Protein backbone atom coordinates (compact mmCIF):
# COMPACT_ATOMS: atom_id res chain seq x y z
CA MET A 1 75.85 51.19 -170.51
CA ILE A 2 72.89 50.03 -169.16
CA ASN A 3 70.48 51.71 -171.84
CA GLU A 4 73.07 50.83 -174.02
CA LEU A 5 72.76 47.00 -173.00
CA LYS A 6 68.56 47.40 -172.49
CA GLU A 7 68.57 49.25 -176.37
CA VAL A 8 70.44 46.93 -178.35
CA PHE A 9 69.38 43.53 -177.01
CA GLY A 10 66.33 44.40 -176.04
CA LEU A 11 66.69 44.08 -172.16
CA GLU A 12 64.78 45.04 -169.29
CA LYS A 13 66.00 47.28 -166.75
CA TYR A 14 66.82 44.22 -164.21
CA GLU A 15 68.45 42.09 -166.78
CA ALA A 16 70.64 45.17 -168.29
CA LEU A 17 71.85 45.67 -164.93
CA LEU A 18 72.05 41.69 -163.86
CA LEU A 19 74.23 40.83 -167.11
CA ARG A 20 76.24 43.99 -166.60
CA ALA A 21 77.33 42.35 -162.71
CA SER A 22 77.99 39.03 -164.08
CA VAL A 23 80.46 40.74 -166.78
CA LYS A 24 82.68 42.47 -163.79
CA LEU A 25 82.36 39.36 -161.41
CA GLY A 26 82.54 37.10 -163.97
CA ILE A 27 81.54 33.87 -161.70
CA ALA A 28 79.04 34.65 -159.33
CA SER A 29 76.39 33.24 -157.41
CA LEU A 30 72.61 34.38 -157.46
CA SER A 31 73.46 36.20 -154.18
CA GLU A 32 76.35 37.65 -155.58
CA LEU A 33 74.65 39.41 -158.53
CA ALA A 34 71.92 40.47 -155.82
CA ASN A 35 74.18 42.30 -153.68
CA GLU A 36 76.19 43.94 -156.61
CA THR A 37 73.23 45.28 -158.31
CA GLU A 38 71.30 45.63 -155.12
CA ILE A 39 68.54 44.02 -156.78
CA SER A 40 66.92 40.75 -153.90
CA ARG A 41 67.30 37.56 -154.97
CA THR A 42 63.64 37.24 -154.89
CA ALA A 43 63.27 39.89 -157.52
CA ALA A 44 66.44 38.45 -159.81
CA TYR A 45 65.25 35.16 -160.12
CA VAL A 46 63.49 35.81 -163.36
CA PRO A 47 65.51 38.21 -165.15
CA ILE A 48 67.39 36.20 -165.06
CA LYS A 49 65.83 33.24 -166.82
CA LYS A 50 65.34 35.59 -169.05
CA LEU A 51 69.09 35.75 -169.55
CA LYS A 52 69.40 32.44 -169.71
CA GLU A 53 67.21 32.12 -172.52
CA LYS A 54 68.32 34.64 -174.09
CA GLY A 55 71.51 33.06 -174.08
CA LEU A 56 73.18 35.95 -172.43
CA LEU A 57 73.47 33.86 -168.91
CA SER A 58 75.07 30.13 -168.31
CA VAL A 59 75.14 27.74 -165.21
CA ILE A 60 77.66 26.21 -164.03
CA THR A 61 78.43 23.85 -160.77
CA VAL A 62 80.97 24.59 -158.65
CA GLY A 63 80.98 22.58 -156.04
CA LYS A 64 77.24 21.57 -154.63
CA ARG A 65 76.57 25.69 -155.71
CA LYS A 66 74.77 26.91 -158.75
CA LYS A 67 77.14 30.06 -160.52
CA TYR A 68 76.03 31.93 -163.20
CA GLN A 69 78.45 33.52 -166.09
CA THR A 70 77.63 35.40 -168.64
CA VAL A 71 79.14 34.88 -172.78
CA GLY A 72 82.45 36.37 -173.65
CA PRO A 73 82.02 40.15 -175.14
CA LYS A 74 83.14 38.47 -178.71
CA GLN A 75 80.15 36.50 -178.04
CA LEU A 76 78.16 38.93 -176.99
CA ARG A 77 78.75 40.68 -180.42
CA TYR A 78 77.98 37.74 -182.03
CA ILE A 79 74.43 36.98 -180.60
CA TYR A 80 74.05 40.73 -181.80
CA GLN A 81 74.83 40.36 -185.34
CA GLN A 82 72.91 37.09 -185.00
CA LYS A 83 70.33 39.49 -183.51
CA LYS A 84 70.66 41.52 -186.89
CA LEU A 85 70.37 38.84 -189.20
CA SER A 86 67.12 37.61 -187.66
CA LEU A 87 65.87 41.50 -187.73
CA GLU A 88 66.69 41.20 -191.85
CA LYS A 89 65.01 37.60 -191.95
CA VAL A 90 61.86 39.58 -190.63
CA ILE A 91 61.66 42.26 -192.27
CA LEU A 92 62.40 40.45 -195.97
CA ASN A 93 59.86 38.14 -195.41
CA LEU A 94 57.02 41.30 -193.72
CA SER A 95 58.40 42.82 -197.65
CA LYS A 96 57.46 39.66 -198.95
CA LEU A 97 53.88 39.95 -197.65
CA SER A 98 53.26 43.91 -198.64
CA GLU A 99 54.27 42.96 -201.89
CA ARG A 100 51.01 41.39 -202.31
CA ASN A 101 49.19 44.09 -201.93
CA ASP A 102 50.64 46.55 -204.46
CA ALA A 103 48.44 45.44 -206.78
CA LEU A 104 45.83 47.70 -204.48
CA GLU A 105 45.24 51.20 -205.72
CA SER A 106 46.34 52.67 -202.18
CA ASN A 107 48.07 52.20 -198.81
CA PHE A 108 47.31 53.87 -196.34
CA ARG A 109 49.16 54.08 -192.83
CA TYR A 110 48.26 55.33 -189.75
CA PHE A 111 50.20 57.24 -187.78
CA SER A 112 49.55 57.92 -184.29
CA GLY A 113 50.93 61.16 -181.63
CA VAL A 114 53.53 63.31 -182.10
CA GLU A 115 56.14 59.99 -182.76
CA GLY A 116 53.56 59.04 -185.11
CA ILE A 117 54.42 62.24 -186.88
CA LYS A 118 58.18 62.10 -186.97
CA ILE A 119 58.24 58.59 -188.01
CA ALA A 120 55.96 59.31 -191.07
CA TYR A 121 57.71 62.18 -192.05
CA SER A 122 61.01 60.38 -192.09
CA ILE A 123 58.98 57.93 -194.37
CA LEU A 124 58.00 60.14 -196.94
CA VAL A 125 61.52 61.92 -197.03
CA GLU A 126 63.22 58.12 -197.23
CA GLU A 127 61.54 56.69 -199.60
CA THR A 128 60.06 59.68 -201.90
CA LYS A 129 61.94 59.52 -205.43
CA SER A 130 61.20 63.07 -205.96
CA LYS A 131 63.59 66.18 -205.54
CA ARG A 132 60.44 68.45 -204.71
CA LEU A 133 57.81 68.20 -202.12
CA SER A 134 55.09 70.38 -202.00
CA SER A 135 52.88 71.38 -198.86
CA PHE A 136 50.09 73.41 -197.61
CA ASP A 137 50.88 73.92 -194.21
CA ASN A 138 49.05 76.09 -190.96
CA SER A 139 52.48 75.51 -188.25
CA SER A 140 50.71 78.07 -185.76
CA SER A 141 50.10 75.41 -182.97
CA LEU A 142 53.44 73.43 -184.44
CA PRO A 143 55.80 74.89 -181.36
CA LYS A 144 53.12 73.35 -178.98
CA TYR A 145 53.58 70.10 -179.88
CA PHE A 146 57.54 70.32 -181.69
CA ASP A 147 60.03 71.45 -180.30
CA LEU A 148 62.00 73.15 -182.25
CA ALA A 149 65.00 71.98 -182.28
CA VAL A 150 63.36 68.56 -183.58
CA LEU A 151 61.42 70.87 -186.04
CA ASN A 152 64.99 71.50 -187.52
CA ASN A 153 66.41 67.40 -187.15
CA GLN A 154 63.43 67.03 -189.68
CA ILE A 155 64.54 69.73 -192.03
CA GLN A 156 68.01 68.55 -192.23
CA LYS A 157 67.01 65.08 -193.39
CA ARG A 158 65.50 66.78 -196.27
CA VAL A 159 67.81 68.99 -196.93
CA LYS A 160 70.55 66.30 -196.18
CA LYS A 161 68.85 64.05 -199.51
CA ASN A 162 69.25 67.40 -201.47
CA ILE A 163 65.00 67.59 -201.51
CA ALA A 164 63.52 71.62 -202.12
CA LEU A 165 60.03 71.79 -201.24
CA SER A 166 57.36 74.07 -201.93
CA MET A 167 55.82 75.87 -198.78
CA ILE A 168 51.98 77.61 -198.76
CA SER A 169 51.25 79.24 -195.15
CA ALA A 170 47.87 79.88 -194.27
CA VAL A 171 48.54 81.28 -190.63
CA PRO A 172 46.88 83.90 -188.65
CA GLU A 173 49.43 85.89 -187.95
CA ILE A 174 53.08 85.63 -189.14
CA LYS A 175 55.35 85.11 -185.53
CA ALA A 176 58.67 85.64 -184.83
CA TRP A 177 59.79 81.88 -184.48
CA MET A 178 58.82 81.92 -188.44
CA ARG A 179 60.60 84.68 -189.11
CA LYS A 180 63.77 83.03 -188.13
CA TYR A 181 62.63 80.11 -190.12
CA ILE A 182 61.31 82.04 -193.39
CA GLU A 183 65.01 83.93 -193.44
CA LYS A 184 66.85 80.17 -193.68
CA ASN A 185 64.53 79.58 -196.45
CA LYS A 186 67.07 79.54 -199.28
CA LYS A 187 69.80 77.50 -196.85
CA GLU A 188 66.88 74.64 -195.93
CA LEU A 189 65.84 74.27 -200.42
CA ARG A 190 62.67 76.21 -199.20
CA GLU A 191 60.34 78.20 -201.13
CA THR A 192 57.35 79.57 -199.01
CA ILE A 193 54.36 81.40 -199.61
CA PHE A 194 51.91 82.99 -197.12
CA VAL A 195 47.95 83.08 -198.01
CA SER A 196 44.97 84.64 -196.43
CA TYR A 197 44.17 82.65 -193.24
CA LYS A 198 40.46 83.39 -194.17
CA SER A 199 40.46 82.11 -197.85
CA TYR A 200 42.37 78.95 -197.19
CA PRO A 201 41.50 78.14 -192.77
CA PHE A 202 44.25 75.02 -193.12
CA GLU A 203 42.66 72.88 -190.42
CA THR A 204 45.95 69.97 -190.99
CA SER A 205 48.75 69.74 -192.72
CA ILE A 206 49.56 68.33 -196.03
CA VAL A 207 52.60 67.22 -197.66
CA THR A 208 52.58 65.88 -201.22
CA ASP A 209 55.39 64.59 -203.55
CA GLY A 210 53.55 63.08 -206.74
CA SER A 211 53.44 59.47 -205.79
CA LYS A 212 52.80 60.09 -202.02
CA THR A 213 50.56 62.47 -199.52
CA LEU A 214 51.28 63.13 -195.83
CA VAL A 215 48.59 64.35 -194.12
CA VAL A 216 49.09 66.27 -190.52
CA GLY A 217 46.93 66.85 -187.89
CA TYR A 218 48.20 68.56 -184.80
CA GLU A 219 45.65 69.50 -182.46
CA GLN A 220 43.41 67.17 -179.79
CA LYS A 221 45.45 63.87 -180.83
CA PRO A 222 47.80 64.27 -183.51
CA PHE A 223 48.56 62.31 -186.01
CA ALA A 224 49.94 61.61 -189.27
CA LEU A 225 48.06 60.15 -191.97
CA LEU A 226 50.09 58.22 -195.03
CA ILE A 227 48.97 57.76 -198.45
CA CYS A 228 50.08 56.02 -201.52
CA ASN A 229 47.80 56.99 -204.09
CA LYS A 230 49.12 58.54 -207.81
CA MET A 231 46.11 60.21 -208.46
CA ILE A 232 45.31 61.72 -205.03
CA SER A 233 48.71 63.19 -205.30
CA ASN A 234 48.15 65.05 -208.04
CA THR A 235 45.39 66.17 -208.00
CA LEU A 236 47.07 67.69 -204.73
CA ASP A 237 49.98 68.71 -206.66
CA SER A 238 47.65 70.84 -209.04
CA ILE A 239 46.21 72.58 -206.65
CA HIS A 240 49.04 73.58 -205.21
CA SER A 241 50.33 74.81 -208.44
CA ILE A 242 46.74 77.06 -208.89
CA ILE A 243 47.55 78.65 -205.29
CA TRP A 244 51.22 79.12 -205.99
CA ASN A 245 50.65 80.60 -209.14
CA GLN A 246 48.18 82.71 -208.16
CA TYR A 247 50.11 84.48 -205.03
CA ARG A 248 53.78 83.95 -205.56
CA VAL A 249 55.51 86.95 -206.63
């Protein structure tokens, strides 16, 4: 439950622990909340203050003593819904700001690290209007950075949208995991051809859909660069077609 509270309401660990304790105890003093969570009174002051500011905890006076009470489950649902509405409003406003840049010829988005690569690929698949992606790929070092289960999850996102993939792969050798990968080509809406690594030493992987291009680097510092430019995408598509037609049997 703690992880869910942290994720849904954006809480720190101590805040989530104190919120759960408050729900369990009902009306409780600071000492009672501290004992329930095994957090010292001193350490509990700041998270309790933050819970009050977020509207998740209220203060009541019983006799001369100050006690704390959380909002009920229905109120928690209301607060969550309000957060969703606020988020949607923020996204709408950000979208309006983004639209001001639509007149620019190109739009570049940089993503850092393995998590950034996952996000960039998800954006490409989610936003594309094409039913076929073209890629230049050197996936020989992929297992160093991605668990194959993560790779399969990314593939299923594409398959779920019924998007095919034409992949040109240049690797020094075809490894066992890649052979298993190729065996599922038809099921995963993928066509794959292998080209000479000496002739085409791809240092990055590139995926294009005709309007966007995703460049991914795995070695040293993993990154992804999402480029929204039709001229670049069309040029890469043309090069892809030349190599594809040359090597495809």
